[in-house]
């Protein structure tokens, strides 16, 4: 089953792979990690929790709160899941 959860450091290696494959130019791994720790950023991942030994990240999105509004900064899905 696919679940949408808050991203964590253990998801980031797969997020980097999806980012490099889906975007040109891609954000750096440092930029993505910085978003993970920002207080005004919302970083979510879609994971398939049926994969073993651990859930597989299928995609991600990064949003940022700007005043009363939200801004979508980045969204990407791995090729086989698109």
PDB file of N, CA and C in Angstrom:
ATOM      1  N   UNK A   1       0.836  -1.166   0.000  1.00  0.00           N
ATOM      2  CA  UNK A   1       0.000   0.000   0.000  1.00  0.00           C
ATOM      3  C   UNK A   1       0.894   1.248   0.000  1.00  0.00           C
ATOM      4  N   UNK A   2       0.483   2.251  -0.740  1.00  0.00           N
ATOM      5  CA  UNK A   2       1.241   3.504  -0.794  1.00  0.00           C
ATOM      6  C   UNK A   2       0.737   4.438   0.302  1.00  0.00           C
ATOM      7  N   UNK A   3       1.687   5.004   1.037  1.00  0.00           N
ATOM      8  CA  UNK A   3       1.359   5.947   2.099  1.00  0.00           C
ATOM      9  C   UNK A   3       2.135   7.235   1.871  1.00  0.00           C
ATOM     10  N   UNK A   4       1.540   8.356   2.250  1.00  0.00           N
ATOM     11  CA  UNK A   4       2.207   9.654   2.215  1.00  0.00           C
ATOM     12  C   UNK A   4       2.609   9.976   3.654  1.00  0.00           C
ATOM     13  N   UNK A   5       3.930  10.149   3.864  1.00  0.00           N
ATOM     14  CA  UNK A   5       4.444  10.393   5.205  1.00  0.00           C
ATOM     15  C   UNK A   5       5.458  11.541   5.171  1.00  0.00           C
ATOM     16  N   UNK A   6       5.788  12.060   6.333  1.00  0.00           N
ATOM     17  CA  UNK A   6       6.821  13.079   6.436  1.00  0.00           C
ATOM     18  C   UNK A   6       8.175  12.463   6.116  1.00  0.00           C
ATOM     19  N   UNK A   7       8.943  13.137   5.288  1.00  0.00           N
ATOM     20  CA  UNK A   7      10.271  12.642   4.917  1.00  0.00           C
ATOM     21  C   UNK A   7      11.202  12.653   6.118  1.00  0.00           C
ATOM     22  N   UNK A   8      12.137  11.715   6.111  1.00  0.00           N
ATOM     23  CA  UNK A   8      13.163  11.616   7.146  1.00  0.00           C
ATOM     24  C   UNK A   8      14.508  11.350   6.469  1.00  0.00           C
ATOM     25  N   UNK A   9      15.574  11.489   7.221  1.00  0.00           N
ATOM     26  CA  UNK A   9      16.912  11.302   6.642  1.00  0.00           C
ATOM     27  C   UNK A   9      17.080   9.949   5.968  1.00  0.00           C
ATOM     28  N   UNK A  10      16.439   8.915   6.505  1.00  0.00           N
ATOM     29  CA  UNK A  10      16.602   7.582   5.907  1.00  0.00           C
ATOM     30  C   UNK A  10      15.956   7.471   4.521  1.00  0.00           C
ATOM     31  N   UNK A  11      15.116   8.413   4.149  1.00  0.00           N
ATOM     32  CA  UNK A  11      14.489   8.421   2.821  1.00  0.00           C
ATOM     33  C   UNK A  11      15.330   9.153   1.778  1.00  0.00           C
ATOM     34  N   UNK A  12      16.310   9.917   2.229  1.00  0.00           N
ATOM     35  CA  UNK A  12      16.952  10.873   1.350  1.00  0.00           C
ATOM     36  C   UNK A  12      17.796  10.268   0.232  1.00  0.00           C
ATOM     37  N   UNK A  13      18.418   9.136   0.442  1.00  0.00           N
ATOM     38  CA  UNK A  13      19.208   8.533  -0.635  1.00  0.00           C
ATOM     39  C   UNK A  13      18.323   8.256  -1.850  1.00  0.00           C
ATOM     40  N   UNK A  14      17.148   7.694  -1.610  1.00  0.00           N
ATOM     41  CA  UNK A  14      16.212   7.408  -2.705  1.00  0.00           C
ATOM     42  C   UNK A  14      15.644   8.707  -3.287  1.00  0.00           C
ATOM     43  N   UNK A  15      15.366   9.699  -2.428  1.00  0.00           N
ATOM     44  CA  UNK A  15      14.904  11.005  -2.911  1.00  0.00           C
ATOM     45  C   UNK A  15      15.936  11.604  -3.865  1.00  0.00           C
ATOM     46  N   UNK A  16      17.227  11.522  -3.525  1.00  0.00           N
ATOM     47  CA  UNK A  16      18.290  12.038  -4.388  1.00  0.00           C
ATOM     48  C   UNK A  16      18.257  11.344  -5.747  1.00  0.00           C
ATOM     49  N   UNK A  17      18.072  10.029  -5.756  1.00  0.00           N
ATOM     50  CA  UNK A  17      18.010   9.277  -7.017  1.00  0.00           C
ATOM     51  C   UNK A  17      16.844   9.743  -7.880  1.00  0.00           C
ATOM     52  N   UNK A  18      15.679   9.872  -7.273  1.00  0.00           N
ATOM     53  CA  UNK A  18      14.492  10.319  -8.013  1.00  0.00           C
ATOM     54  C   UNK A  18      14.716  11.731  -8.543  1.00  0.00           C
ATOM     55  N   UNK A  19      15.269  12.605  -7.722  1.00  0.00           N
ATOM     56  CA  UNK A  19      15.539  13.986  -8.125  1.00  0.00           C
ATOM     57  C   UNK A  19      16.469  14.040  -9.333  1.00  0.00           C
ATOM     58  N   UNK A  20      17.558  13.295  -9.293  1.00  0.00           N
ATOM     59  CA  UNK A  20      18.520  13.303 -10.412  1.00  0.00           C
ATOM     60  C   UNK A  20      17.890  12.775 -11.691  1.00  0.00           C
ATOM     61  N   UNK A  21      17.014  11.786 -11.559  1.00  0.00           N
ATOM     62  CA  UNK A  21      16.382  11.182 -12.729  1.00  0.00           C
ATOM     63  C   UNK A  21      15.273  12.060 -13.309  1.00  0.00           C
ATOM     64  N   UNK A  22      14.563  12.786 -12.450  1.00  0.00           N
ATOM     65  CA  UNK A  22      13.369  13.507 -12.885  1.00  0.00           C
ATOM     66  C   UNK A  22      13.613  14.969 -13.253  1.00  0.00           C
ATOM     67  N   UNK A  23      14.645  15.582 -12.709  1.00  0.00           N
ATOM     68  CA  UNK A  23      14.818  17.024 -12.865  1.00  0.00           C
ATOM     69  C   UNK A  23      16.125  17.393 -13.565  1.00  0.00           C
ATOM     70  N   UNK A  24      16.045  18.446 -14.363  1.00  0.00           N
ATOM     71  CA  UNK A  24      17.241  18.979 -14.993  1.00  0.00           C
ATOM     72  C   UNK A  24      17.099  20.495 -15.059  1.00  0.00           C
ATOM     73  N   UNK A  25      17.868  21.238 -14.325  1.00  0.00           N
ATOM     74  CA  UNK A  25      18.905  20.764 -13.411  1.00  0.00           C
ATOM     75  C   UNK A  25      18.296  20.294 -12.092  1.00  0.00           C
ATOM     76  N   UNK A  26      18.940  19.331 -11.502  1.00  0.00           N
ATOM     77  CA  UNK A  26      18.474  18.772 -10.233  1.00  0.00           C
ATOM     78  C   UNK A  26      18.991  19.605  -9.066  1.00  0.00           C
ATOM     79  N   UNK A  27      18.217  19.648  -7.989  1.00  0.00           N
ATOM     80  CA  UNK A  27      18.712  20.252  -6.761  1.00  0.00           C
ATOM     81  C   UNK A  27      19.841  19.381  -6.215  1.00  0.00           C
ATOM     82  N   UNK A  28      20.768  19.985  -5.532  1.00  0.00           N
ATOM     83  CA  UNK A  28      21.852  19.231  -4.906  1.00  0.00           C
ATOM     84  C   UNK A  28      21.320  18.476  -3.695  1.00  0.00           C
ATOM     85  N   UNK A  29      22.062  17.475  -3.280  1.00  0.00           N
ATOM     86  CA  UNK A  29      21.665  16.729  -2.084  1.00  0.00           C
ATOM     87  C   UNK A  29      21.663  17.659  -0.869  1.00  0.00           C
ATOM     88  N   UNK A  30      22.580  18.619  -0.821  1.00  0.00           N
ATOM     89  CA  UNK A  30      22.612  19.582   0.290  1.00  0.00           C
ATOM     90  C   UNK A  30      21.342  20.428   0.301  1.00  0.00           C
ATOM     91  N   UNK A  31      20.890  20.886  -0.860  1.00  0.00           N
ATOM     92  CA  UNK A  31      19.671  21.695  -0.922  1.00  0.00           C
ATOM     93  C   UNK A  31      18.467  20.908  -0.422  1.00  0.00           C
ATOM     94  N   UNK A  32      18.361  19.648  -0.818  1.00  0.00           N
ATOM     95  CA  UNK A  32      17.246  18.819  -0.374  1.00  0.00           C
ATOM     96  C   UNK A  32      17.330  18.564   1.133  1.00  0.00           C
ATOM     97  N   UNK A  33      18.525  18.292   1.634  1.00  0.00           N
ATOM     98  CA  UNK A  33      18.685  18.083   3.078  1.00  0.00           C
ATOM     99  C   UNK A  33      18.364  19.354   3.861  1.00  0.00           C
ATOM    100  N   UNK A  34      18.745  20.506   3.315  1.00  0.00           N
ATOM    101  CA  UNK A  34      18.419  21.778   3.975  1.00  0.00           C
ATOM    102  C   UNK A  34      16.910  21.955   4.097  1.00  0.00           C
ATOM    103  N   UNK A  35      16.161  21.601   3.059  1.00  0.00           N
ATOM    104  CA  UNK A  35      14.699  21.713   3.107  1.00  0.00           C
ATOM    105  C   UNK A  35      14.114  20.809   4.183  1.00  0.00           C
ATOM    106  N   UNK A  36      14.732  19.659   4.376  1.00  0.00           N
ATOM    107  CA  UNK A  36      14.255  18.703   5.378  1.00  0.00           C
ATOM    108  C   UNK A  36      14.282  19.306   6.781  1.00  0.00           C
ATOM    109  N   UNK A  37      15.229  20.199   7.029  1.00  0.00           N
ATOM    110  CA  UNK A  37      15.386  20.738   8.378  1.00  0.00           C
ATOM    111  C   UNK A  37      14.807  22.143   8.561  1.00  0.00           C
ATOM    112  N   UNK A  38      14.254  22.734   7.522  1.00  0.00           N
ATOM    113  CA  UNK A  38      13.673  24.082   7.642  1.00  0.00           C
ATOM    114  C   UNK A  38      12.356  24.029   8.410  1.00  0.00           C
ATOM    115  N   UNK A  39      12.141  25.004   9.249  1.00  0.00           N
ATOM    116  CA  UNK A  39      10.911  25.063  10.029  1.00  0.00           C
ATOM    117  C   UNK A  39       9.682  25.435   9.221  1.00  0.00           C
ATOM    118  N   UNK A  40       9.868  26.105   8.088  1.00  0.00           N
ATOM    119  CA  UNK A  40       8.736  26.530   7.266  1.00  0.00           C
ATOM    120  C   UNK A  40       8.530  25.638   6.044  1.00  0.00           C
ATOM    121  N   UNK A  41       9.221  24.506   6.004  1.00  0.00           N
ATOM    122  CA  UNK A  41       9.142  23.583   4.879  1.00  0.00           C
ATOM    123  C   UNK A  41       8.386  22.320   5.279  1.00  0.00           C
ATOM    124  N   UNK A  42       7.650  21.781   4.339  1.00  0.00           N
ATOM    125  CA  UNK A  42       6.954  20.507   4.521  1.00  0.00           C
ATOM    126  C   UNK A  42       7.490  19.563   3.454  1.00  0.00           C
ATOM    127  N   UNK A  43       8.145  18.500   3.863  1.00  0.00           N
ATOM    128  CA  UNK A  43       8.798  17.557   2.947  1.00  0.00           C
ATOM    129  C   UNK A  43       8.113  16.215   3.150  1.00  0.00           C
ATOM    130  N   UNK A  44       7.430  15.747   2.118  1.00  0.00           N
ATOM    131  CA  UNK A  44       6.708  14.479   2.225  1.00  0.00           C
ATOM    132  C   UNK A  44       7.221  13.493   1.185  1.00  0.00           C
ATOM    133  N   UNK A  45       7.050  12.215   1.482  1.00  0.00           N
ATOM    134  CA  UNK A  45       7.403  11.152   0.546  1.00  0.00           C
ATOM    135  C   UNK A  45       6.229  10.192   0.410  1.00  0.00           C
ATOM    136  N   UNK A  46       6.114   9.619  -0.765  1.00  0.00           N
ATOM    137  CA  UNK A  46       5.163   8.528  -0.995  1.00  0.00           C
ATOM    138  C   UNK A  46       5.970   7.240  -0.921  1.00  0.00           C
ATOM    139  N   UNK A  47       5.572   6.336  -0.033  1.00  0.00           N
ATOM    140  CA  UNK A  47       6.306   5.082   0.137  1.00  0.00           C
ATOM    141  C   UNK A  47       5.389   3.892  -0.088  1.00  0.00           C
ATOM    142  N   UNK A  48       5.966   2.865  -0.688  1.00  0.00           N
ATOM    143  CA  UNK A  48       5.278   1.582  -0.839  1.00  0.00           C
ATOM    144  C   UNK A  48       5.701   0.738   0.349  1.00  0.00           C
ATOM    145  N   UNK A  49       4.783   0.528   1.289  1.00  0.00           N
ATOM    146  CA  UNK A  49       5.157  -0.189   2.512  1.00  0.00           C
ATOM    147  C   UNK A  49       5.088  -1.704   2.372  1.00  0.00           C
ATOM    148  N   UNK A  50       4.866  -2.199   1.149  1.00  0.00           N
ATOM    149  CA  UNK A  50       4.840  -3.650   0.936  1.00  0.00           C
ATOM    150  C   UNK A  50       6.199  -4.187   0.486  1.00  0.00           C
ATOM    151  N   UNK A  51       7.166  -3.310   0.240  1.00  0.00           N
ATOM    152  CA  UNK A  51       8.477  -3.757  -0.222  1.00  0.00           C
ATOM    153  C   UNK A  51       9.342  -4.178   0.954  1.00  0.00           C
ATOM    154  N   UNK A  52      10.186  -5.139   0.717  1.00  0.00           N
ATOM    155  CA  UNK A  52      11.086  -5.657   1.758  1.00  0.00           C
ATOM    156  C   UNK A  52      12.517  -5.358   1.368  1.00  0.00           C
ATOM    157  N   UNK A  53      13.408  -5.104   2.284  1.00  0.00           N
ATOM    158  CA  UNK A  53      13.247  -5.163   3.737  1.00  0.00           C
ATOM    159  C   UNK A  53      12.675  -3.880   4.332  1.00  0.00           C
ATOM    160  N   UNK A  54      12.579  -2.807   3.540  1.00  0.00           N
ATOM    161  CA  UNK A  54      12.030  -1.559   4.076  1.00  0.00           C
ATOM    162  C   UNK A  54      11.174  -0.888   3.002  1.00  0.00           C
ATOM    163  N   UNK A  55      10.307   0.027   3.396  1.00  0.00           N
ATOM    164  CA  UNK A  55       9.459   0.715   2.425  1.00  0.00           C
ATOM    165  C   UNK A  55      10.285   1.435   1.354  1.00  0.00           C
ATOM    166  N   UNK A  56       9.797   1.423   0.122  1.00  0.00           N
ATOM    167  CA  UNK A  56      10.485   2.051  -0.994  1.00  0.00           C
ATOM    168  C   UNK A  56       9.849   3.413  -1.288  1.00  0.00           C
ATOM    169  N   UNK A  57      10.682   4.446  -1.397  1.00  0.00           N
ATOM    170  CA  UNK A  57      10.201   5.781  -1.743  1.00  0.00           C
ATOM    171  C   UNK A  57       9.880   5.808  -3.240  1.00  0.00           C
ATOM    172  N   UNK A  58       8.641   6.192  -3.557  1.00  0.00           N
ATOM    173  CA  UNK A  58       8.187   6.257  -4.946  1.00  0.00           C
ATOM    174  C   UNK A  58       8.178   7.679  -5.484  1.00  0.00           C
ATOM    175  N   UNK A  59       8.128   8.653  -4.597  1.00  0.00           N
ATOM    176  CA  UNK A  59       8.092  10.051  -5.011  1.00  0.00           C
ATOM    177  C   UNK A  59       8.168  10.951  -3.800  1.00  0.00           C
ATOM    178  N   UNK A  60       8.257  12.254  -4.070  1.00  0.00           N
ATOM    179  CA  UNK A  60       8.353  13.211  -2.972  1.00  0.00           C
ATOM    180  C   UNK A  60       7.830  14.568  -3.406  1.00  0.00           C
ATOM    181  N   UNK A  61       7.557  15.412  -2.425  1.00  0.00           N
ATOM    182  CA  UNK A  61       7.155  16.794  -2.677  1.00  0.00           C
ATOM    183  C   UNK A  61       7.684  17.668  -1.549  1.00  0.00           C
ATOM    184  N   UNK A  62       8.019  18.904  -1.911  1.00  0.00           N
ATOM    185  CA  UNK A  62       8.491  19.886  -0.941  1.00  0.00           C
ATOM    186  C   UNK A  62       7.626  21.134  -1.085  1.00  0.00           C
ATOM    187  N   UNK A  63       7.053  21.551   0.023  1.00  0.00           N
ATOM    188  CA  UNK A  63       6.228  22.752   0.091  1.00  0.00           C
ATOM    189  C   UNK A  63       6.856  23.700   1.094  1.00  0.00           C
ATOM    190  N   UNK A  64       6.573  24.978   0.947  1.00  0.00           N
ATOM    191  CA  UNK A  64       7.037  25.943   1.940  1.00  0.00           C
ATOM    192  C   UNK A  64       5.889  26.891   2.266  1.00  0.00           C
ATOM    193  N   UNK A  65       5.747  27.185   3.538  1.00  0.00           N
ATOM    194  CA  UNK A  65       4.740  28.141   3.978  1.00  0.00           C
ATOM    195  C   UNK A  65       5.288  29.542   3.787  1.00  0.00           C
ATOM    196  N   UNK A  66       4.494  30.379   3.108  1.00  0.00           N
ATOM    197  CA  UNK A  66       4.866  31.767   2.863  1.00  0.00           C
ATOM    198  C   UNK A  66       3.703  32.623   3.345  1.00  0.00           C
ATOM    199  N   UNK A  67       3.814  33.142   4.553  1.00  0.00           N
ATOM    200  CA  UNK A  67       2.703  33.872   5.150  1.00  0.00           C
ATOM    201  C   UNK A  67       1.523  32.935   5.337  1.00  0.00           C
ATOM    202  N   UNK A  68       0.371  33.341   4.800  1.00  0.00           N
ATOM    203  CA  UNK A  68      -0.823  32.495   4.861  1.00  0.00           C
ATOM    204  C   UNK A  68      -0.940  31.557   3.665  1.00  0.00           C
ATOM    205  N   UNK A  69       0.035  31.593   2.777  1.00  0.00           N
ATOM    206  CA  UNK A  69      -0.005  30.789   1.555  1.00  0.00           C
ATOM    207  C   UNK A  69       1.007  29.653   1.629  1.00  0.00           C
ATOM    208  N   UNK A  70       0.856  28.729   0.716  1.00  0.00           N
ATOM    209  CA  UNK A  70       1.813  27.651   0.557  1.00  0.00           C
ATOM    210  C   UNK A  70       2.382  27.696  -0.844  1.00  0.00           C
ATOM    211  N   UNK A  71       3.613  27.258  -0.987  1.00  0.00           N
ATOM    212  CA  UNK A  71       4.280  27.253  -2.280  1.00  0.00           C
ATOM    213  C   UNK A  71       4.864  25.862  -2.532  1.00  0.00           C
ATOM    214  N   UNK A  72       4.500  25.264  -3.657  1.00  0.00           N
ATOM    215  CA  UNK A  72       5.069  23.977  -4.051  1.00  0.00           C
ATOM    216  C   UNK A  72       6.419  24.246  -4.692  1.00  0.00           C
ATOM    217  N   UNK A  73       7.483  23.744  -4.070  1.00  0.00           N
ATOM    218  CA  UNK A  73       8.837  23.977  -4.575  1.00  0.00           C
ATOM    219  C   UNK A  73       9.310  22.866  -5.484  1.00  0.00           C
ATOM    220  N   UNK A  74       8.888  21.647  -5.195  1.00  0.00           N
ATOM    221  CA  UNK A  74       9.438  20.500  -5.910  1.00  0.00           C
ATOM    222  C   UNK A  74       8.478  19.335  -5.776  1.00  0.00           C
ATOM    223  N   UNK A  75       8.275  18.606  -6.870  1.00  0.00           N
ATOM    224  CA  UNK A  75       7.508  17.368  -6.833  1.00  0.00           C
ATOM    225  C   UNK A  75       8.091  16.435  -7.891  1.00  0.00           C
ATOM    226  N   UNK A  76       8.279  15.182  -7.530  1.00  0.00           N
ATOM    227  CA  UNK A  76       8.838  14.221  -8.473  1.00  0.00           C
ATOM    228  C   UNK A  76       8.401  12.803  -8.100  1.00  0.00           C
ATOM    229  N   UNK A  77       8.273  11.976  -9.126  1.00  0.00           N
ATOM    230  CA  UNK A  77       7.883  10.574  -8.965  1.00  0.00           C
ATOM    231  C   UNK A  77       8.851   9.722  -9.777  1.00  0.00           C
ATOM    232  N   UNK A  78       9.232   8.550  -9.253  1.00  0.00           N
ATOM    233  CA  UNK A  78      10.147   7.702 -10.002  1.00  0.00           C
ATOM    234  C   UNK A  78       9.485   7.214 -11.298  1.00  0.00           C
ATOM    235  N   UNK A  79      10.302   6.971 -12.321  1.00  0.00           N
ATOM    236  CA  UNK A  79       9.785   6.640 -13.665  1.00  0.00           C
ATOM    237  C   UNK A  79       8.798   5.472 -13.689  1.00  0.00           C
ATOM    238  N   UNK A  80       9.129   4.325 -13.072  1.00  0.00           N
ATOM    239  CA  UNK A  80       8.185   3.190 -13.171  1.00  0.00           C
ATOM    240  C   UNK A  80       6.823   3.452 -12.533  1.00  0.00           C
ATOM    241  N   UNK A  81       6.749   4.421 -11.622  1.00  0.00           N
ATOM    242  CA  UNK A  81       5.504   4.695 -10.919  1.00  0.00           C
ATOM    243  C   UNK A  81       4.668   5.767 -11.622  1.00  0.00           C
ATOM    244  N   UNK A  82       5.278   6.527 -12.520  1.00  0.00           N
ATOM    245  CA  UNK A  82       4.567   7.626 -13.186  1.00  0.00           C
ATOM    246  C   UNK A  82       3.390   7.138 -13.989  1.00  0.00           C
TER     247      UNK A  82
END
